[in-house]
Amino acid sequence: MIDNSLTALVARLNATVPETARAWLDHALSEATDPRSMVPGHKGVSVWEMRFNEAGRHCRGAEDAARVLLLHTVRPDAETLARLYAHGTADERRAILCALPHQQHLPPGAALPLVEDALRSNDTRLIANAVGPYAAAHLDAHAWRHAVLKCLFTGVSLDAVADLDGRAAQDHELARMLRDYAAERIAARRPVPEDLDRALRLTNQES
């Protein structure tokens, strides 16, 4: 799993972007300490949201990290996050999903609708980020099992699934679902994903 701790994100930025991009981000983070600041001439558009959008141009190659740091600084409420996600590009949505573990000021599970929306998509980058630490902490057992199956179905590596070992252990229902999915693939003469056997082993319910 990719390390998306704040320390790792800063290190990734410093190693990836040029000094001019780092200076731009430092200025953007400074502006973000006042999330109520609005863009002159653009009614209702906050400065930090404009910077969030611009990060793809200024921090190319590390835009996810830049956007996560902006969100960590702003600490938006769940409604603002949902609006940003709804109107965002796929790249911006991915960054919001990456940022969820760092939004610890939110009520528990408040951002789950964003995770659930990503898991309904067929965008493998969104799915991979949707099954991170926030999902591991807040998805209920039923939804989490289906998230694992979604990864297998779309080809997302189970390395992306946070706390896979812990949540899969002794999960009889997950084992049943994995076996059923494998049987369907075999009956259709389609290959069984290699990760499926790995997940089944983790349930300690091998056949």
N, C-alpha and C. Protein backbone atom coordinates (compact mmCIF):
# COMPACT_ATOMS: atom_id res chain seq x y z
N MET A 1 0.84 -1.19 0.00
CA MET A 1 0.00 0.00 0.00
C MET A 1 0.88 1.25 0.00
N ILE A 2 0.47 2.27 -0.77
CA ILE A 2 1.22 3.52 -0.82
C ILE A 2 1.10 4.23 0.53
N ASP A 3 2.23 4.73 1.02
CA ASP A 3 2.24 5.46 2.28
C ASP A 3 1.72 6.87 2.02
N ASN A 4 0.53 7.17 2.54
CA ASN A 4 -0.05 8.49 2.36
C ASN A 4 -0.10 9.26 3.67
N SER A 5 0.83 8.95 4.58
CA SER A 5 0.94 9.76 5.78
C SER A 5 1.37 11.16 5.37
N LEU A 6 1.09 12.15 6.22
CA LEU A 6 1.45 13.52 5.87
C LEU A 6 2.95 13.68 5.68
N THR A 7 3.73 12.99 6.51
CA THR A 7 5.19 13.05 6.37
C THR A 7 5.62 12.51 5.02
N ALA A 8 5.03 11.39 4.61
CA ALA A 8 5.37 10.79 3.32
C ALA A 8 4.95 11.69 2.16
N LEU A 9 3.80 12.36 2.31
CA LEU A 9 3.33 13.25 1.25
C LEU A 9 4.27 14.43 1.06
N VAL A 10 4.73 15.00 2.17
CA VAL A 10 5.67 16.12 2.08
C VAL A 10 6.97 15.67 1.44
N ALA A 11 7.45 14.50 1.83
CA ALA A 11 8.68 13.97 1.25
C ALA A 11 8.52 13.73 -0.24
N ARG A 12 7.35 13.22 -0.65
CA ARG A 12 7.08 12.97 -2.06
C ARG A 12 7.06 14.28 -2.85
N LEU A 13 6.47 15.29 -2.26
CA LEU A 13 6.45 16.60 -2.92
C LEU A 13 7.86 17.14 -3.09
N ASN A 14 8.63 17.10 -2.02
CA ASN A 14 9.98 17.66 -2.08
C ASN A 14 10.85 16.93 -3.09
N ALA A 15 10.58 15.64 -3.28
CA ALA A 15 11.39 14.85 -4.19
C ALA A 15 10.91 14.95 -5.64
N THR A 16 9.68 15.46 -5.83
CA THR A 16 9.07 15.41 -7.16
C THR A 16 8.97 16.75 -7.85
N VAL A 17 8.57 17.78 -7.10
CA VAL A 17 8.27 19.06 -7.76
C VAL A 17 9.45 20.01 -7.66
N PRO A 18 9.57 20.92 -8.62
CA PRO A 18 10.65 21.91 -8.57
C PRO A 18 10.41 22.94 -7.49
N GLU A 19 11.42 23.73 -7.23
CA GLU A 19 11.33 24.72 -6.16
C GLU A 19 10.21 25.72 -6.39
N THR A 20 9.96 26.07 -7.65
CA THR A 20 8.88 27.03 -7.93
C THR A 20 7.52 26.46 -7.53
N ALA A 21 7.33 25.15 -7.76
CA ALA A 21 6.06 24.51 -7.39
C ALA A 21 5.93 24.43 -5.88
N ARG A 22 7.02 24.16 -5.19
CA ARG A 22 6.98 24.11 -3.72
C ARG A 22 6.65 25.47 -3.15
N ALA A 23 7.21 26.53 -3.78
CA ALA A 23 6.91 27.88 -3.32
C ALA A 23 5.44 28.21 -3.54
N TRP A 24 4.90 27.77 -4.70
CA TRP A 24 3.47 27.99 -4.96
C TRP A 24 2.63 27.31 -3.90
N LEU A 25 2.97 26.07 -3.57
CA LEU A 25 2.19 25.33 -2.59
C LEU A 25 2.30 25.95 -1.21
N ASP A 26 3.49 26.38 -0.82
CA ASP A 26 3.66 27.03 0.47
C ASP A 26 2.75 28.25 0.58
N HIS A 27 2.66 29.01 -0.51
CA HIS A 27 1.79 30.19 -0.52
C HIS A 27 0.32 29.76 -0.44
N ALA A 28 -0.03 28.71 -1.21
CA ALA A 28 -1.41 28.22 -1.19
C ALA A 28 -1.80 27.72 0.19
N LEU A 29 -0.90 27.03 0.87
CA LEU A 29 -1.18 26.53 2.22
C LEU A 29 -1.34 27.68 3.20
N SER A 30 -0.54 28.74 3.00
CA SER A 30 -0.67 29.91 3.86
C SER A 30 -2.03 30.57 3.66
N GLU A 31 -2.46 30.68 2.40
CA GLU A 31 -3.78 31.24 2.12
C GLU A 31 -4.88 30.38 2.73
N ALA A 32 -4.68 29.08 2.73
CA ALA A 32 -5.72 28.14 3.18
C ALA A 32 -5.95 28.20 4.68
N THR A 33 -5.06 28.86 5.42
CA THR A 33 -5.30 29.00 6.86
C THR A 33 -6.50 29.90 7.14
N ASP A 34 -6.93 30.65 6.11
CA ASP A 34 -8.16 31.44 6.21
C ASP A 34 -9.13 30.94 5.14
N PRO A 35 -9.83 29.83 5.40
CA PRO A 35 -10.68 29.23 4.38
C PRO A 35 -11.85 30.10 3.94
N ARG A 36 -12.11 31.20 4.67
CA ARG A 36 -13.23 32.07 4.30
C ARG A 36 -12.83 33.11 3.26
N SER A 37 -11.54 33.17 2.93
CA SER A 37 -11.07 34.14 1.95
C SER A 37 -11.62 33.81 0.57
N MET A 38 -12.22 34.82 -0.09
CA MET A 38 -12.86 34.61 -1.37
C MET A 38 -12.04 35.22 -2.51
N VAL A 39 -12.22 34.66 -3.70
CA VAL A 39 -11.54 35.17 -4.89
C VAL A 39 -12.24 36.45 -5.33
N PRO A 40 -11.52 37.56 -5.43
CA PRO A 40 -12.15 38.81 -5.87
C PRO A 40 -12.79 38.65 -7.26
N GLY A 41 -14.01 39.13 -7.38
CA GLY A 41 -14.70 39.07 -8.65
C GLY A 41 -15.35 37.73 -8.95
N HIS A 42 -15.22 36.76 -8.04
CA HIS A 42 -15.84 35.45 -8.25
C HIS A 42 -16.68 35.12 -7.01
N LYS A 43 -17.89 35.56 -7.02
CA LYS A 43 -18.77 35.41 -5.87
C LYS A 43 -18.92 33.95 -5.45
N GLY A 44 -18.66 33.68 -4.18
CA GLY A 44 -18.86 32.35 -3.63
C GLY A 44 -17.71 31.38 -3.88
N VAL A 45 -16.62 31.83 -4.53
CA VAL A 45 -15.49 30.95 -4.80
C VAL A 45 -14.37 31.26 -3.80
N SER A 46 -14.04 30.30 -2.95
CA SER A 46 -12.99 30.51 -1.96
C SER A 46 -11.62 30.36 -2.61
N VAL A 47 -10.66 31.06 -2.05
CA VAL A 47 -9.29 31.01 -2.59
C VAL A 47 -8.75 29.59 -2.52
N TRP A 48 -8.99 28.91 -1.40
CA TRP A 48 -8.40 27.58 -1.25
C TRP A 48 -8.97 26.60 -2.26
N GLU A 49 -10.26 26.73 -2.61
CA GLU A 49 -10.84 25.83 -3.61
C GLU A 49 -10.24 26.09 -4.99
N MET A 50 -9.96 27.34 -5.29
CA MET A 50 -9.29 27.65 -6.56
C MET A 50 -7.90 27.04 -6.57
N ARG A 51 -7.19 27.13 -5.46
CA ARG A 51 -5.85 26.53 -5.39
C ARG A 51 -5.92 25.01 -5.49
N PHE A 52 -6.96 24.43 -4.90
CA PHE A 52 -7.16 22.98 -4.99
C PHE A 52 -7.26 22.56 -6.46
N ASN A 53 -7.99 23.33 -7.23
CA ASN A 53 -8.14 23.04 -8.65
C ASN A 53 -6.83 23.27 -9.39
N GLU A 54 -6.11 24.32 -9.05
CA GLU A 54 -4.88 24.69 -9.76
C GLU A 54 -3.71 23.76 -9.46
N ALA A 55 -3.80 22.97 -8.40
CA ALA A 55 -2.67 22.13 -7.99
C ALA A 55 -2.21 21.19 -9.10
N GLY A 56 -3.13 20.76 -9.94
CA GLY A 56 -2.76 19.86 -11.03
C GLY A 56 -1.82 20.52 -12.01
N ARG A 57 -1.94 21.83 -12.15
CA ARG A 57 -1.08 22.56 -13.09
C ARG A 57 0.26 22.95 -12.44
N HIS A 58 0.21 23.31 -11.17
CA HIS A 58 1.42 23.81 -10.51
C HIS A 58 2.28 22.71 -9.89
N CYS A 59 1.67 21.61 -9.49
CA CYS A 59 2.42 20.54 -8.81
C CYS A 59 2.29 19.24 -9.59
N ARG A 60 2.47 19.34 -10.88
CA ARG A 60 2.32 18.18 -11.74
C ARG A 60 3.23 17.04 -11.28
N GLY A 61 2.63 15.85 -11.13
CA GLY A 61 3.38 14.70 -10.64
C GLY A 61 3.20 14.47 -9.15
N ALA A 62 2.77 15.50 -8.44
CA ALA A 62 2.53 15.35 -6.99
C ALA A 62 1.27 16.12 -6.60
N GLU A 63 0.33 16.21 -7.55
CA GLU A 63 -0.88 16.99 -7.29
C GLU A 63 -1.75 16.37 -6.19
N ASP A 64 -1.77 15.04 -6.10
CA ASP A 64 -2.53 14.40 -5.03
C ASP A 64 -2.01 14.86 -3.67
N ALA A 65 -0.70 14.82 -3.51
CA ALA A 65 -0.09 15.21 -2.24
C ALA A 65 -0.40 16.67 -1.93
N ALA A 66 -0.29 17.54 -2.93
CA ALA A 66 -0.57 18.96 -2.71
C ALA A 66 -2.02 19.16 -2.27
N ARG A 67 -2.94 18.48 -2.93
CA ARG A 67 -4.36 18.64 -2.59
C ARG A 67 -4.68 18.08 -1.21
N VAL A 68 -4.06 16.97 -0.85
CA VAL A 68 -4.29 16.40 0.48
C VAL A 68 -3.81 17.38 1.54
N LEU A 69 -2.65 18.00 1.33
CA LEU A 69 -2.13 18.96 2.30
C LEU A 69 -3.03 20.19 2.40
N LEU A 70 -3.58 20.63 1.26
CA LEU A 70 -4.52 21.75 1.30
C LEU A 70 -5.76 21.40 2.13
N LEU A 71 -6.31 20.22 1.91
CA LEU A 71 -7.50 19.81 2.67
C LEU A 71 -7.18 19.64 4.14
N HIS A 72 -5.99 19.15 4.45
CA HIS A 72 -5.60 19.00 5.85
C HIS A 72 -5.52 20.36 6.53
N THR A 73 -5.07 21.36 5.79
CA THR A 73 -4.97 22.71 6.34
C THR A 73 -6.34 23.34 6.54
N VAL A 74 -7.21 23.17 5.56
CA VAL A 74 -8.53 23.81 5.60
C VAL A 74 -9.48 23.14 6.58
N ARG A 75 -9.42 21.82 6.69
CA ARG A 75 -10.34 21.05 7.53
C ARG A 75 -11.81 21.35 7.17
N PRO A 76 -12.18 21.09 5.91
CA PRO A 76 -13.56 21.39 5.49
C PRO A 76 -14.56 20.46 6.16
N ASP A 77 -15.80 20.92 6.24
CA ASP A 77 -16.84 20.05 6.80
C ASP A 77 -17.27 19.04 5.74
N ALA A 78 -18.08 18.08 6.15
CA ALA A 78 -18.49 16.99 5.26
C ALA A 78 -19.28 17.53 4.06
N GLU A 79 -20.09 18.54 4.27
CA GLU A 79 -20.88 19.10 3.17
C GLU A 79 -19.98 19.73 2.12
N THR A 80 -18.95 20.44 2.56
CA THR A 80 -18.02 21.07 1.62
C THR A 80 -17.24 20.01 0.86
N LEU A 81 -16.80 18.98 1.56
CA LEU A 81 -16.08 17.88 0.89
C LEU A 81 -16.96 17.22 -0.17
N ALA A 82 -18.22 17.00 0.18
CA ALA A 82 -19.14 16.36 -0.75
C ALA A 82 -19.35 17.22 -1.99
N ARG A 83 -19.45 18.52 -1.79
CA ARG A 83 -19.63 19.42 -2.94
C ARG A 83 -18.38 19.44 -3.81
N LEU A 84 -17.22 19.49 -3.17
CA LEU A 84 -15.96 19.48 -3.91
C LEU A 84 -15.82 18.18 -4.70
N TYR A 85 -16.21 17.09 -4.10
CA TYR A 85 -16.14 15.78 -4.76
C TYR A 85 -17.13 15.73 -5.94
N ALA A 86 -18.34 16.19 -5.71
CA ALA A 86 -19.38 16.10 -6.75
C ALA A 86 -19.00 16.88 -7.99
N HIS A 87 -18.33 18.00 -7.81
CA HIS A 87 -18.00 18.86 -8.94
C HIS A 87 -16.56 18.67 -9.42
N GLY A 88 -15.84 17.77 -8.79
CA GLY A 88 -14.42 17.62 -9.10
C GLY A 88 -14.16 16.70 -10.29
N THR A 89 -12.97 16.84 -10.83
CA THR A 89 -12.50 15.91 -11.86
C THR A 89 -12.15 14.58 -11.19
N ALA A 90 -11.86 13.58 -12.00
CA ALA A 90 -11.46 12.28 -11.44
C ALA A 90 -10.20 12.44 -10.59
N ASP A 91 -9.26 13.26 -11.04
CA ASP A 91 -8.04 13.48 -10.26
C ASP A 91 -8.34 14.15 -8.93
N GLU A 92 -9.24 15.13 -8.94
CA GLU A 92 -9.60 15.82 -7.71
C GLU A 92 -10.36 14.90 -6.77
N ARG A 93 -11.21 14.06 -7.31
CA ARG A 93 -11.93 13.09 -6.47
C ARG A 93 -10.95 12.10 -5.83
N ARG A 94 -9.97 11.67 -6.61
CA ARG A 94 -8.97 10.75 -6.06
C ARG A 94 -8.24 11.39 -4.89
N ALA A 95 -7.88 12.66 -5.03
CA ALA A 95 -7.17 13.35 -3.95
C ALA A 95 -8.04 13.47 -2.70
N ILE A 96 -9.33 13.73 -2.90
CA ILE A 96 -10.23 13.82 -1.74
C ILE A 96 -10.30 12.49 -1.01
N LEU A 97 -10.37 11.40 -1.75
CA LEU A 97 -10.38 10.08 -1.12
C LEU A 97 -9.08 9.83 -0.36
N CYS A 98 -7.95 10.25 -0.94
CA CYS A 98 -6.66 10.11 -0.26
C CYS A 98 -6.63 10.91 1.04
N ALA A 99 -7.34 12.04 1.02
CA ALA A 99 -7.29 12.95 2.17
C ALA A 99 -8.17 12.51 3.33
N LEU A 100 -9.12 11.61 3.10
CA LEU A 100 -10.10 11.28 4.14
C LEU A 100 -9.48 10.82 5.46
N PRO A 101 -8.42 9.99 5.45
CA PRO A 101 -7.86 9.58 6.74
C PRO A 101 -7.32 10.74 7.56
N HIS A 102 -7.03 11.87 6.90
CA HIS A 102 -6.47 13.03 7.60
C HIS A 102 -7.55 14.03 8.02
N GLN A 103 -8.81 13.74 7.71
CA GLN A 103 -9.91 14.63 8.07
C GLN A 103 -10.53 14.17 9.39
N GLN A 104 -9.71 14.12 10.41
CA GLN A 104 -10.13 13.53 11.68
C GLN A 104 -11.07 14.42 12.47
N HIS A 105 -11.28 15.64 11.99
CA HIS A 105 -12.24 16.53 12.65
C HIS A 105 -13.68 16.19 12.29
N LEU A 106 -13.86 15.37 11.23
CA LEU A 106 -15.21 15.02 10.79
C LEU A 106 -15.85 14.02 11.75
N PRO A 107 -17.17 14.03 11.88
CA PRO A 107 -17.84 12.98 12.65
C PRO A 107 -17.54 11.62 12.03
N PRO A 108 -17.46 10.56 12.82
CA PRO A 108 -17.13 9.23 12.29
C PRO A 108 -18.06 8.82 11.15
N GLY A 109 -17.47 8.45 10.02
CA GLY A 109 -18.25 7.97 8.89
C GLY A 109 -18.93 9.05 8.06
N ALA A 110 -18.68 10.32 8.38
CA ALA A 110 -19.40 11.39 7.68
C ALA A 110 -19.10 11.43 6.19
N ALA A 111 -17.93 10.97 5.79
CA ALA A 111 -17.54 11.02 4.38
C ALA A 111 -17.74 9.68 3.67
N LEU A 112 -18.41 8.74 4.32
CA LEU A 112 -18.63 7.44 3.68
C LEU A 112 -19.36 7.53 2.34
N PRO A 113 -20.31 8.47 2.15
CA PRO A 113 -20.95 8.55 0.83
C PRO A 113 -19.97 8.75 -0.32
N LEU A 114 -18.86 9.39 -0.06
CA LEU A 114 -17.85 9.58 -1.11
C LEU A 114 -17.17 8.26 -1.44
N VAL A 115 -16.85 7.50 -0.41
CA VAL A 115 -16.25 6.17 -0.61
C VAL A 115 -17.21 5.27 -1.37
N GLU A 116 -18.47 5.30 -0.96
CA GLU A 116 -19.47 4.45 -1.61
C GLU A 116 -19.67 4.83 -3.08
N ASP A 117 -19.62 6.14 -3.36
CA ASP A 117 -19.75 6.58 -4.75
C ASP A 117 -18.57 6.08 -5.58
N ALA A 118 -17.37 6.18 -5.05
CA ALA A 118 -16.18 5.72 -5.77
C ALA A 118 -16.24 4.22 -6.03
N LEU A 119 -16.76 3.48 -5.08
CA LEU A 119 -16.85 2.03 -5.24
C LEU A 119 -17.92 1.61 -6.24
N ARG A 120 -18.84 2.51 -6.54
CA ARG A 120 -19.83 2.22 -7.58
C ARG A 120 -19.29 2.49 -8.98
N SER A 121 -18.17 3.19 -9.05
CA SER A 121 -17.61 3.55 -10.34
C SER A 121 -16.79 2.39 -10.90
N ASN A 122 -16.33 2.56 -12.13
CA ASN A 122 -15.41 1.59 -12.73
C ASN A 122 -14.04 2.21 -12.95
N ASP A 123 -13.79 3.34 -12.30
CA ASP A 123 -12.50 4.00 -12.37
C ASP A 123 -11.57 3.33 -11.36
N THR A 124 -10.60 2.58 -11.86
CA THR A 124 -9.77 1.79 -10.94
C THR A 124 -8.94 2.66 -10.00
N ARG A 125 -8.60 3.87 -10.44
CA ARG A 125 -7.83 4.76 -9.55
C ARG A 125 -8.70 5.22 -8.39
N LEU A 126 -9.97 5.51 -8.66
CA LEU A 126 -10.86 5.89 -7.57
C LEU A 126 -11.09 4.72 -6.62
N ILE A 127 -11.31 3.54 -7.19
CA ILE A 127 -11.55 2.36 -6.36
C ILE A 127 -10.36 2.09 -5.46
N ALA A 128 -9.16 2.17 -6.01
CA ALA A 128 -7.95 1.89 -5.24
C ALA A 128 -7.80 2.84 -4.06
N ASN A 129 -8.20 4.09 -4.24
CA ASN A 129 -8.10 5.05 -3.14
C ASN A 129 -9.30 4.98 -2.20
N ALA A 130 -10.41 4.45 -2.69
CA ALA A 130 -11.61 4.33 -1.85
C ALA A 130 -11.45 3.25 -0.79
N VAL A 131 -10.58 2.27 -1.02
CA VAL A 131 -10.44 1.15 -0.07
C VAL A 131 -9.25 1.36 0.87
N GLY A 132 -8.88 2.59 1.08
CA GLY A 132 -7.78 2.92 1.97
C GLY A 132 -8.17 2.89 3.44
N PRO A 133 -7.39 3.55 4.30
CA PRO A 133 -7.62 3.49 5.75
C PRO A 133 -8.99 3.98 6.19
N TYR A 134 -9.55 4.97 5.49
CA TYR A 134 -10.87 5.48 5.90
C TYR A 134 -11.93 4.40 5.74
N ALA A 135 -11.88 3.68 4.62
CA ALA A 135 -12.83 2.59 4.40
C ALA A 135 -12.63 1.48 5.42
N ALA A 136 -11.38 1.16 5.71
CA ALA A 136 -11.10 0.11 6.69
C ALA A 136 -11.68 0.45 8.05
N ALA A 137 -11.67 1.73 8.38
CA ALA A 137 -12.15 2.15 9.70
C ALA A 137 -13.66 2.31 9.76
N HIS A 138 -14.31 2.60 8.63
CA HIS A 138 -15.72 3.01 8.70
C HIS A 138 -16.70 2.16 7.90
N LEU A 139 -16.26 1.44 6.88
CA LEU A 139 -17.21 0.61 6.14
C LEU A 139 -17.70 -0.55 7.01
N ASP A 140 -18.99 -0.83 6.97
CA ASP A 140 -19.48 -1.99 7.71
C ASP A 140 -19.04 -3.27 6.99
N ALA A 141 -19.25 -4.40 7.65
CA ALA A 141 -18.73 -5.67 7.12
C ALA A 141 -19.28 -5.98 5.74
N HIS A 142 -20.57 -5.77 5.55
CA HIS A 142 -21.19 -6.08 4.26
C HIS A 142 -20.58 -5.24 3.14
N ALA A 143 -20.50 -3.92 3.37
CA ALA A 143 -19.96 -3.04 2.34
C ALA A 143 -18.48 -3.30 2.10
N TRP A 144 -17.75 -3.62 3.17
CA TRP A 144 -16.31 -3.88 3.02
C TRP A 144 -16.07 -5.14 2.19
N ARG A 145 -16.84 -6.18 2.44
CA ARG A 145 -16.69 -7.41 1.64
C ARG A 145 -16.93 -7.13 0.16
N HIS A 146 -17.96 -6.35 -0.13
CA HIS A 146 -18.26 -6.04 -1.52
C HIS A 146 -17.16 -5.15 -2.13
N ALA A 147 -16.51 -4.34 -1.31
CA ALA A 147 -15.39 -3.53 -1.80
C ALA A 147 -14.23 -4.43 -2.22
N VAL A 148 -13.98 -5.47 -1.43
CA VAL A 148 -12.93 -6.43 -1.79
C VAL A 148 -13.27 -7.12 -3.10
N LEU A 149 -14.53 -7.54 -3.25
CA LEU A 149 -14.95 -8.17 -4.51
C LEU A 149 -14.85 -7.19 -5.68
N LYS A 150 -15.15 -5.93 -5.43
CA LYS A 150 -15.05 -4.92 -6.49
C LYS A 150 -13.61 -4.81 -6.97
N CYS A 151 -12.68 -4.86 -6.05
CA CYS A 151 -11.27 -4.81 -6.43
C CYS A 151 -10.92 -5.99 -7.32
N LEU A 152 -11.34 -7.18 -6.93
CA LEU A 152 -11.06 -8.37 -7.72
C LEU A 152 -11.71 -8.27 -9.09
N PHE A 153 -12.91 -7.79 -9.14
CA PHE A 153 -13.66 -7.70 -10.40
C PHE A 153 -13.03 -6.70 -11.38
N THR A 154 -12.50 -5.61 -10.85
CA THR A 154 -11.96 -4.55 -11.70
C THR A 154 -10.46 -4.64 -11.89
N GLY A 155 -9.82 -5.60 -11.22
CA GLY A 155 -8.38 -5.75 -11.38
C GLY A 155 -7.54 -4.86 -10.49
N VAL A 156 -8.14 -4.25 -9.49
CA VAL A 156 -7.38 -3.44 -8.54
C VAL A 156 -6.67 -4.38 -7.57
N SER A 157 -5.38 -4.20 -7.41
CA SER A 157 -4.62 -5.06 -6.51
C SER A 157 -5.14 -4.96 -5.08
N LEU A 158 -5.20 -6.08 -4.40
CA LEU A 158 -5.63 -6.06 -2.99
C LEU A 158 -4.59 -5.40 -2.10
N ASP A 159 -3.43 -5.09 -2.65
CA ASP A 159 -2.46 -4.30 -1.88
C ASP A 159 -3.05 -2.94 -1.51
N ALA A 160 -4.03 -2.48 -2.27
CA ALA A 160 -4.65 -1.18 -2.01
C ALA A 160 -5.59 -1.23 -0.81
N VAL A 161 -6.04 -2.40 -0.42
CA VAL A 161 -7.06 -2.53 0.64
C VAL A 161 -6.40 -2.42 2.01
N ALA A 162 -6.70 -1.35 2.70
CA ALA A 162 -6.13 -1.14 4.03
C ALA A 162 -6.66 -2.17 5.02
N ASP A 163 -5.78 -2.64 5.89
CA ASP A 163 -6.13 -3.61 6.94
C ASP A 163 -6.81 -4.85 6.38
N LEU A 164 -6.38 -5.28 5.21
CA LEU A 164 -6.96 -6.50 4.62
C LEU A 164 -6.76 -7.70 5.54
N ASP A 165 -5.55 -7.85 6.06
CA ASP A 165 -5.27 -8.99 6.92
C ASP A 165 -6.19 -9.02 8.14
N GLY A 166 -6.34 -7.86 8.78
CA GLY A 166 -7.13 -7.82 10.01
C GLY A 166 -8.61 -8.03 9.77
N ARG A 167 -9.15 -7.41 8.73
CA ARG A 167 -10.60 -7.50 8.52
C ARG A 167 -11.01 -8.83 7.87
N ALA A 168 -10.10 -9.43 7.11
CA ALA A 168 -10.46 -10.70 6.46
C ALA A 168 -10.35 -11.89 7.40
N ALA A 169 -9.59 -11.77 8.47
CA ALA A 169 -9.35 -12.91 9.36
C ALA A 169 -10.65 -13.48 9.92
N GLN A 170 -10.82 -14.79 9.74
CA GLN A 170 -11.97 -15.52 10.27
C GLN A 170 -13.30 -15.02 9.71
N ASP A 171 -13.27 -14.39 8.55
CA ASP A 171 -14.51 -13.87 7.96
C ASP A 171 -15.12 -14.96 7.07
N HIS A 172 -16.00 -15.74 7.64
CA HIS A 172 -16.63 -16.86 6.93
C HIS A 172 -17.44 -16.40 5.73
N GLU A 173 -18.13 -15.26 5.90
CA GLU A 173 -18.96 -14.77 4.80
C GLU A 173 -18.10 -14.31 3.63
N LEU A 174 -16.99 -13.64 3.91
CA LEU A 174 -16.08 -13.24 2.83
C LEU A 174 -15.54 -14.48 2.12
N ALA A 175 -15.20 -15.50 2.88
CA ALA A 175 -14.70 -16.74 2.27
C ALA A 175 -15.75 -17.33 1.33
N ARG A 176 -17.00 -17.33 1.76
CA ARG A 176 -18.07 -17.86 0.90
C ARG A 176 -18.19 -17.05 -0.38
N MET A 177 -18.16 -15.73 -0.26
CA MET A 177 -18.28 -14.87 -1.42
C MET A 177 -17.12 -15.06 -2.39
N LEU A 178 -15.93 -15.25 -1.85
CA LEU A 178 -14.76 -15.47 -2.69
C LEU A 178 -14.87 -16.79 -3.44
N ARG A 179 -15.32 -17.82 -2.75
CA ARG A 179 -15.48 -19.12 -3.41
C ARG A 179 -16.54 -19.05 -4.51
N ASP A 180 -17.64 -18.37 -4.21
CA ASP A 180 -18.71 -18.23 -5.22
C ASP A 180 -18.20 -17.48 -6.44
N TYR A 181 -17.43 -16.44 -6.22
CA TYR A 181 -16.91 -15.66 -7.33
C TYR A 181 -15.93 -16.49 -8.16
N ALA A 182 -15.08 -17.26 -7.47
CA ALA A 182 -14.15 -18.13 -8.18
C ALA A 182 -14.91 -19.17 -9.01
N ALA A 183 -15.98 -19.74 -8.45
CA ALA A 183 -16.77 -20.74 -9.18
C ALA A 183 -17.41 -20.13 -10.42
N GLU A 184 -17.90 -18.89 -10.29
CA GLU A 184 -18.49 -18.21 -11.44
C GLU A 184 -17.46 -18.01 -12.54
N ARG A 185 -16.25 -17.61 -12.17
CA ARG A 185 -15.20 -17.39 -13.17
C ARG A 185 -14.83 -18.70 -13.87
N ILE A 186 -14.72 -19.75 -13.07
CA ILE A 186 -14.34 -21.04 -13.65
C ILE A 186 -15.43 -21.55 -14.59
N ALA A 187 -16.69 -21.40 -14.17
CA ALA A 187 -17.81 -21.85 -15.00
C ALA A 187 -17.86 -21.09 -16.32
N ALA A 188 -17.46 -19.83 -16.29
CA ALA A 188 -17.45 -19.01 -17.50
C ALA A 188 -16.14 -19.16 -18.28
N ARG A 189 -15.27 -20.06 -17.80
CA ARG A 189 -13.97 -20.30 -18.42
C ARG A 189 -13.14 -19.03 -18.49
N ARG A 190 -13.19 -18.31 -17.40
CA ARG A 190 -12.41 -17.07 -17.28
C ARG A 190 -11.41 -17.25 -16.14
N PRO A 191 -10.27 -16.60 -16.22
CA PRO A 191 -9.25 -16.78 -15.17
C PRO A 191 -9.71 -16.25 -13.82
N VAL A 192 -9.28 -16.92 -12.78
CA VAL A 192 -9.56 -16.47 -11.42
C VAL A 192 -8.43 -15.53 -11.00
N PRO A 193 -8.75 -14.33 -10.53
CA PRO A 193 -7.69 -13.40 -10.12
C PRO A 193 -6.76 -14.02 -9.09
N GLU A 194 -5.47 -13.81 -9.27
CA GLU A 194 -4.50 -14.38 -8.33
C GLU A 194 -4.74 -13.88 -6.91
N ASP A 195 -5.17 -12.63 -6.78
CA ASP A 195 -5.41 -12.07 -5.46
C ASP A 195 -6.53 -12.78 -4.71
N LEU A 196 -7.40 -13.47 -5.43
CA LEU A 196 -8.51 -14.15 -4.76
C LEU A 196 -7.99 -15.22 -3.81
N ASP A 197 -7.04 -16.02 -4.26
CA ASP A 197 -6.48 -17.05 -3.39
C ASP A 197 -5.82 -16.43 -2.16
N ARG A 198 -5.17 -15.32 -2.38
CA ARG A 198 -4.54 -14.62 -1.25
C ARG A 198 -5.58 -14.19 -0.23
N ALA A 199 -6.68 -13.59 -0.70
CA ALA A 199 -7.72 -13.15 0.21
C ALA A 199 -8.36 -14.34 0.93
N LEU A 200 -8.55 -15.43 0.21
CA LEU A 200 -9.16 -16.61 0.82
C LEU A 200 -8.27 -17.17 1.92
N ARG A 201 -6.97 -17.17 1.68
CA ARG A 201 -6.05 -17.64 2.72
C ARG A 201 -6.15 -16.78 3.99
N LEU A 202 -6.33 -15.48 3.78
CA LEU A 202 -6.40 -14.58 4.92
C LEU A 202 -7.63 -14.84 5.78
N THR A 203 -8.69 -15.36 5.18
CA THR A 203 -9.90 -15.67 5.96
C THR A 203 -9.71 -16.90 6.83
N ASN A 204 -8.64 -17.65 6.58
CA ASN A 204 -8.39 -18.91 7.29
C ASN A 204 -9.53 -19.90 7.07
N GLN A 205 -10.15 -19.78 5.88
CA GLN A 205 -11.27 -20.64 5.55
C GLN A 205 -11.04 -21.34 4.21
N GLU A 206 -9.78 -21.71 3.93
CA GLU A 206 -9.50 -22.36 2.66
C GLU A 206 -10.29 -23.67 2.56
N SER A 207 -10.64 -23.97 1.30
CA SER A 207 -11.33 -25.25 1.07
C SER A 207 -10.32 -26.36 1.05
